[in-house]
Amino acid sequence: MNEVNATRLRLFMAEMSGTALLLLVGLSSVIFMFAETSPFVALVPSLTLRRVINGFFFGSVGATIALSPIGQVSGAHVNPIVTMGFWLTGKLTGKAAIGYVVAQFLGAVLGCLPLLLWGSLGRSISYGTTVPGQGYSIPTVIFGEVVTTFCLIAVLCVFLAFHRLRRYTPFMIPFLFAIMVPLEAGISGTSVNPARSFGPSVISGVWDGWWIYWVGPLLGGLLAMLVCNSLAKRIEVAKLYYFDSDPEGIVRRVQRPSGARPDVSASS
């Protein structure tokens, strides 16, 4: 294996590991906080409060991954829509973006397999599978995913575009999810991430409205990139943290004509 392929493999393995950890820890918290026979339900009977706590915790898991060595290597996208955003801004090559997405879906499945150990507790809520809420029309559920994904990508654009905010990007995520989850969970489950929805569906066999969690986030991400186009152009690297790191040449600055802003792409 030559050096370029070796660095690509490390890049994609890091992204796969990060996504696996996100789903394993994040969905374990979903099972613990929302399975009817869980002691946490008796401890915190308010569904809204549990959703706030879970949103903050799930977001904290993602933030921790971004701050970890995994985030230093791959940038810790752990979401195909985030990767799509970096690709649309030219911060990832097409080949790298495809590799990221494949790694994310593989990681999602691998991270969900240990959830089977939750047994009946996990099965009672289909291991955290996202499904349309009862009483809501399909357009409403899609709209909910569009709005929440738009918010995620738009806020990332704002934080990553400005140097003064950039270092705080991971720390914003828990608070954003603590707001979005209680507002949206009853409608669509607050996926905002096709890989997050794909993993538990694979192990549970529950595919109700599965396509919504591709279409909604994709439309929300594209809309956010369109609205935030001028901000997106200010983003310099395809990472949520460690912006100045360049471990083993995995993320490389590409020279552009004199006077142009520097671009960043994954190894070519």
Protein backbone atom coordinates (compact mmCIF):
# COMPACT_ATOMS: atom_id res chain seq x y z
CA MET A 1 0.00 0.00 0.00
CA ASN A 2 1.48 3.34 -1.03
CA GLU A 3 1.57 6.40 1.21
CA VAL A 4 -1.45 8.11 -0.36
CA ASN A 5 -3.67 5.05 0.02
CA ALA A 6 -2.44 4.55 3.58
CA THR A 7 -3.36 8.10 4.57
CA ARG A 8 -6.75 7.74 2.91
CA LEU A 9 -7.37 4.56 4.86
CA ARG A 10 -6.49 6.28 8.17
CA LEU A 11 -8.79 9.14 7.23
CA PHE A 12 -11.76 6.91 6.49
CA MET A 13 -11.11 4.58 9.43
CA ALA A 14 -11.19 7.59 11.75
CA GLU A 15 -14.49 8.75 10.28
CA MET A 16 -15.96 5.25 10.54
CA SER A 17 -14.84 4.98 14.16
CA GLY A 18 -16.27 8.39 15.01
CA THR A 19 -19.66 7.57 13.52
CA ALA A 20 -19.71 4.19 15.27
CA LEU A 21 -19.00 5.84 18.62
CA LEU A 22 -21.65 8.49 18.04
CA LEU A 23 -24.34 5.90 17.44
CA LEU A 24 -23.22 3.43 20.08
CA VAL A 25 -23.06 5.96 22.90
CA GLY A 26 -25.78 8.28 21.62
CA LEU A 27 -28.37 5.59 20.96
CA SER A 28 -27.51 3.79 24.19
CA SER A 29 -28.55 7.00 25.92
CA VAL A 30 -31.77 7.05 23.89
CA ILE A 31 -32.59 3.50 24.99
CA PHE A 32 -31.74 4.23 28.62
CA MET A 33 -33.76 7.46 28.73
CA PHE A 34 -36.85 6.43 26.75
CA ALA A 35 -37.47 2.67 27.05
CA GLU A 36 -40.62 2.38 29.15
CA THR A 37 -39.17 -0.03 31.70
CA SER A 38 -35.96 1.95 32.13
CA PRO A 39 -35.40 3.33 35.65
CA PHE A 40 -34.58 6.69 34.10
CA VAL A 41 -38.22 7.11 33.03
CA ALA A 42 -39.32 6.88 36.64
CA LEU A 43 -36.52 9.18 37.73
CA VAL A 44 -37.37 11.83 35.10
CA PRO A 45 -41.04 11.35 34.17
CA SER A 46 -41.23 14.50 32.04
CA LEU A 47 -40.85 13.48 28.38
CA THR A 48 -39.85 17.00 27.38
CA LEU A 49 -37.13 17.19 30.03
CA ARG A 50 -35.77 13.81 28.98
CA ARG A 51 -35.63 15.03 25.40
CA VAL A 52 -33.71 18.13 26.45
CA ILE A 53 -31.25 16.01 28.45
CA ASN A 54 -30.85 13.51 25.65
CA GLY A 55 -30.39 16.20 23.01
CA PHE A 56 -27.66 17.81 25.07
CA PHE A 57 -26.00 14.45 25.75
CA PHE A 58 -26.18 13.29 22.13
CA GLY A 59 -24.71 16.60 21.01
CA SER A 60 -22.01 16.30 23.66
CA VAL A 61 -20.99 12.91 22.27
CA GLY A 62 -20.56 14.48 18.83
CA ALA A 63 -18.62 17.39 20.31
CA THR A 64 -16.32 15.04 22.23
CA ILE A 65 -15.55 13.11 19.05
CA ALA A 66 -14.70 16.37 17.28
CA LEU A 67 -12.31 17.28 20.10
CA SER A 68 -10.75 13.80 20.19
CA PRO A 69 -7.84 12.43 18.11
CA ILE A 70 -10.50 11.10 15.73
CA GLY A 71 -11.56 14.66 15.00
CA GLN A 72 -7.94 15.66 14.51
CA VAL A 73 -7.56 13.09 11.74
CA SER A 74 -10.84 13.20 9.82
CA GLY A 75 -12.56 16.31 11.14
CA ALA A 76 -15.36 14.27 12.78
CA HIS A 77 -18.11 14.97 10.28
CA VAL A 78 -19.96 11.78 11.38
CA ASN A 79 -22.83 12.88 9.13
CA PRO A 80 -23.10 12.60 5.32
CA ILE A 81 -24.82 15.99 5.16
CA VAL A 82 -21.90 17.71 6.89
CA THR A 83 -19.55 16.00 4.46
CA MET A 84 -21.73 17.15 1.56
CA GLY A 85 -21.45 20.71 2.82
CA PHE A 86 -17.66 20.60 2.93
CA TRP A 87 -17.61 19.04 -0.54
CA LEU A 88 -19.88 21.76 -1.95
CA THR A 89 -17.51 24.41 -0.59
CA GLY A 90 -14.57 22.68 -2.28
CA LYS A 91 -12.92 21.63 0.97
CA LEU A 92 -13.09 17.95 0.07
CA THR A 93 -12.45 16.23 -3.23
CA GLY A 94 -15.24 14.15 -4.70
CA LYS A 95 -13.36 10.90 -4.01
CA ALA A 96 -12.72 11.90 -0.42
CA ALA A 97 -16.37 12.84 0.11
CA ILE A 98 -17.52 9.46 -1.21
CA GLY A 99 -15.04 7.73 1.07
CA TYR A 100 -16.32 9.71 4.05
CA VAL A 101 -19.95 8.81 3.34
CA VAL A 102 -19.22 5.11 2.86
CA ALA A 103 -17.22 5.12 6.11
CA GLN A 104 -20.05 6.87 7.94
CA PHE A 105 -22.67 4.32 6.89
CA LEU A 106 -20.37 1.41 7.72
CA GLY A 107 -19.61 3.00 11.07
CA ALA A 108 -23.31 3.50 11.75
CA VAL A 109 -24.02 -0.21 11.32
CA LEU A 110 -20.97 -1.29 13.33
CA GLY A 111 -21.84 1.13 16.11
CA CYS A 112 -25.41 -0.16 16.31
CA LEU A 113 -24.61 -3.88 16.47
CA PRO A 114 -23.61 -3.73 20.18
CA LEU A 115 -27.01 -2.14 20.89
CA LEU A 116 -28.47 -5.63 20.56
CA LEU A 117 -27.03 -6.25 24.03
CA TRP A 118 -29.75 -3.99 25.42
CA GLY A 119 -32.14 -6.86 24.72
CA SER A 120 -35.83 -6.24 25.37
CA LEU A 121 -35.10 -2.72 26.59
CA GLY A 122 -33.63 -1.81 23.21
CA ARG A 123 -36.25 -3.70 21.22
CA SER A 124 -39.03 -1.82 22.99
CA ILE A 125 -38.03 1.36 21.12
CA SER A 126 -36.47 -0.33 18.07
CA TYR A 127 -32.98 0.59 19.29
CA GLY A 128 -33.60 4.29 18.74
CA THR A 129 -34.79 4.01 15.13
CA THR A 130 -36.23 7.27 13.80
CA VAL A 131 -39.81 6.95 12.55
CA PRO A 132 -42.52 9.51 11.68
CA GLY A 133 -44.54 10.60 14.70
CA GLN A 134 -48.12 9.42 14.98
CA GLY A 135 -50.65 11.92 13.73
CA TYR A 136 -48.21 13.83 11.52
CA SER A 137 -48.43 13.87 7.74
CA ILE A 138 -45.46 12.88 5.62
CA PRO A 139 -44.94 16.47 4.35
CA THR A 140 -44.87 17.69 7.95
CA VAL A 141 -42.28 15.09 8.94
CA ILE A 142 -40.11 15.93 5.93
CA PHE A 143 -40.44 19.62 6.70
CA GLY A 144 -39.30 18.97 10.26
CA GLU A 145 -36.16 17.23 9.04
CA VAL A 146 -35.52 19.98 6.50
CA VAL A 147 -35.76 22.68 9.17
CA THR A 148 -33.61 20.94 11.78
CA THR A 149 -30.93 19.98 9.26
CA PHE A 150 -30.98 23.50 7.88
CA CYS A 151 -30.38 24.83 11.39
CA LEU A 152 -27.49 22.45 12.00
CA ILE A 153 -25.67 23.23 8.75
CA ALA A 154 -26.41 26.96 8.90
CA VAL A 155 -25.11 27.27 12.45
CA LEU A 156 -22.00 25.29 11.52
CA CYS A 157 -21.43 27.70 8.62
CA VAL A 158 -21.71 30.69 10.96
CA PHE A 159 -19.29 29.27 13.53
CA LEU A 160 -16.76 27.95 11.01
CA ALA A 161 -16.79 31.13 8.92
CA PHE A 162 -15.56 33.45 11.66
CA HIS A 163 -12.21 33.06 13.41
CA ARG A 164 -13.55 34.33 16.73
CA LEU A 165 -16.30 31.70 16.78
CA ARG A 166 -14.46 28.85 15.08
CA ARG A 167 -12.81 27.38 18.17
CA TYR A 168 -16.21 27.12 19.89
CA THR A 169 -17.86 25.07 17.14
CA PRO A 170 -17.98 21.72 19.02
CA PHE A 171 -19.28 23.40 22.17
CA MET A 172 -22.25 24.85 20.31
CA ILE A 173 -23.55 21.45 19.21
CA PRO A 174 -24.93 20.17 22.57
CA PHE A 175 -26.94 23.35 23.09
CA LEU A 176 -28.31 23.26 19.54
CA PHE A 177 -29.53 19.68 19.95
CA ALA A 178 -30.93 20.42 23.40
CA ILE A 179 -33.20 22.91 21.64
CA MET A 180 -34.00 20.94 18.49
CA VAL A 181 -34.70 17.52 20.00
CA PRO A 182 -37.61 18.49 22.31
CA LEU A 183 -39.15 20.54 19.49
CA GLU A 184 -38.81 17.94 16.73
CA ALA A 185 -38.45 14.49 18.32
CA GLY A 186 -42.19 13.83 18.44
CA ILE A 187 -42.55 14.72 14.77
CA SER A 188 -39.66 12.96 13.05
CA GLY A 189 -37.24 11.80 15.73
CA THR A 190 -34.75 14.58 14.95
CA SER A 191 -32.41 12.61 12.75
CA VAL A 192 -30.66 15.33 10.66
CA ASN A 193 -28.28 12.53 9.71
CA PRO A 194 -29.04 9.70 7.23
CA ALA A 195 -26.35 7.50 8.80
CA ARG A 196 -27.86 7.98 12.27
CA SER A 197 -31.21 6.69 10.94
CA PHE A 198 -29.71 3.93 8.80
CA GLY A 199 -27.79 2.13 11.56
CA PRO A 200 -30.65 1.32 13.95
CA SER A 201 -32.98 0.47 11.04
CA VAL A 202 -30.51 -2.21 9.93
CA ILE A 203 -30.45 -3.97 13.31
CA SER A 204 -34.14 -3.43 14.17
CA GLY A 205 -35.63 -4.15 10.75
CA VAL A 206 -37.86 -1.08 11.15
CA TRP A 207 -37.86 0.96 7.94
CA ASP A 208 -41.02 3.07 8.38
CA GLY A 209 -40.58 6.19 6.28
CA TRP A 210 -36.87 5.45 5.90
CA TRP A 211 -36.60 7.62 2.76
CA ILE A 212 -37.70 10.68 4.72
CA TYR A 213 -34.38 10.60 6.59
CA TRP A 214 -32.51 10.86 3.31
CA VAL A 215 -34.72 13.39 1.55
CA GLY A 216 -35.33 15.73 4.50
CA PRO A 217 -31.70 16.14 5.63
CA LEU A 218 -30.47 16.36 2.04
CA LEU A 219 -32.91 19.16 1.20
CA GLY A 220 -32.18 20.94 4.48
CA GLY A 221 -28.44 20.74 3.92
CA LEU A 222 -28.65 21.98 0.34
CA LEU A 223 -30.92 24.86 1.37
CA ALA A 224 -28.55 25.86 4.17
CA MET A 225 -25.58 25.86 1.81
CA LEU A 226 -27.52 28.00 -0.65
CA VAL A 227 -28.59 30.53 1.98
CA CYS A 228 -25.18 30.56 3.67
CA ASN A 229 -23.15 30.54 0.47
CA SER A 230 -21.16 33.67 1.31
CA LEU A 231 -20.35 32.33 4.77
CA ALA A 232 -19.43 28.90 3.41
CA LYS A 233 -16.80 30.49 1.19
CA ARG A 234 -14.97 31.65 4.33
CA ILE A 235 -14.59 28.10 5.67
CA GLU A 236 -10.97 27.06 5.34
CA VAL A 237 -10.78 23.40 6.34
CA ALA A 238 -13.11 20.39 6.42
CA LYS A 239 -12.97 20.03 10.19
CA LEU A 240 -15.03 21.01 13.21
CA TYR A 241 -11.89 21.54 15.33
CA TYR A 242 -8.09 21.24 15.01
CA PHE A 243 -8.23 23.71 12.14
CA ASP A 244 -4.49 24.21 11.94
CA SER A 245 -3.55 20.53 12.20
CA ASP A 246 -2.32 18.60 9.21
CA PRO A 247 -1.58 15.13 10.54
CA GLU A 248 0.58 13.14 8.13
CA GLY A 249 -0.63 15.16 5.19
CA ILE A 250 -4.19 13.84 5.47
CA VAL A 251 -5.63 17.32 4.99
CA ARG A 252 -3.55 19.48 2.68
CA ARG A 253 -3.61 23.13 1.75
CA VAL A 254 -3.78 23.54 -1.98
CA GLN A 255 -1.98 26.50 -3.49
CA ARG A 256 -4.20 28.79 -5.52
CA PRO A 257 -3.45 31.79 -7.73
CA SER A 258 -1.97 34.82 -6.01
CA GLY A 259 -4.60 36.80 -4.13
CA ALA A 260 -7.10 33.94 -3.87
CA ARG A 261 -8.16 32.46 -0.54
CA PRO A 262 -6.45 29.19 0.35
CA ASP A 263 -8.49 26.04 -0.19
CA VAL A 264 -8.31 22.79 1.69
CA SER A 265 -9.03 19.30 0.43
CA ALA A 266 -8.49 15.77 1.52
CA SER A 267 -5.52 13.93 0.13
CA SER A 268 -5.77 13.75 -3.61
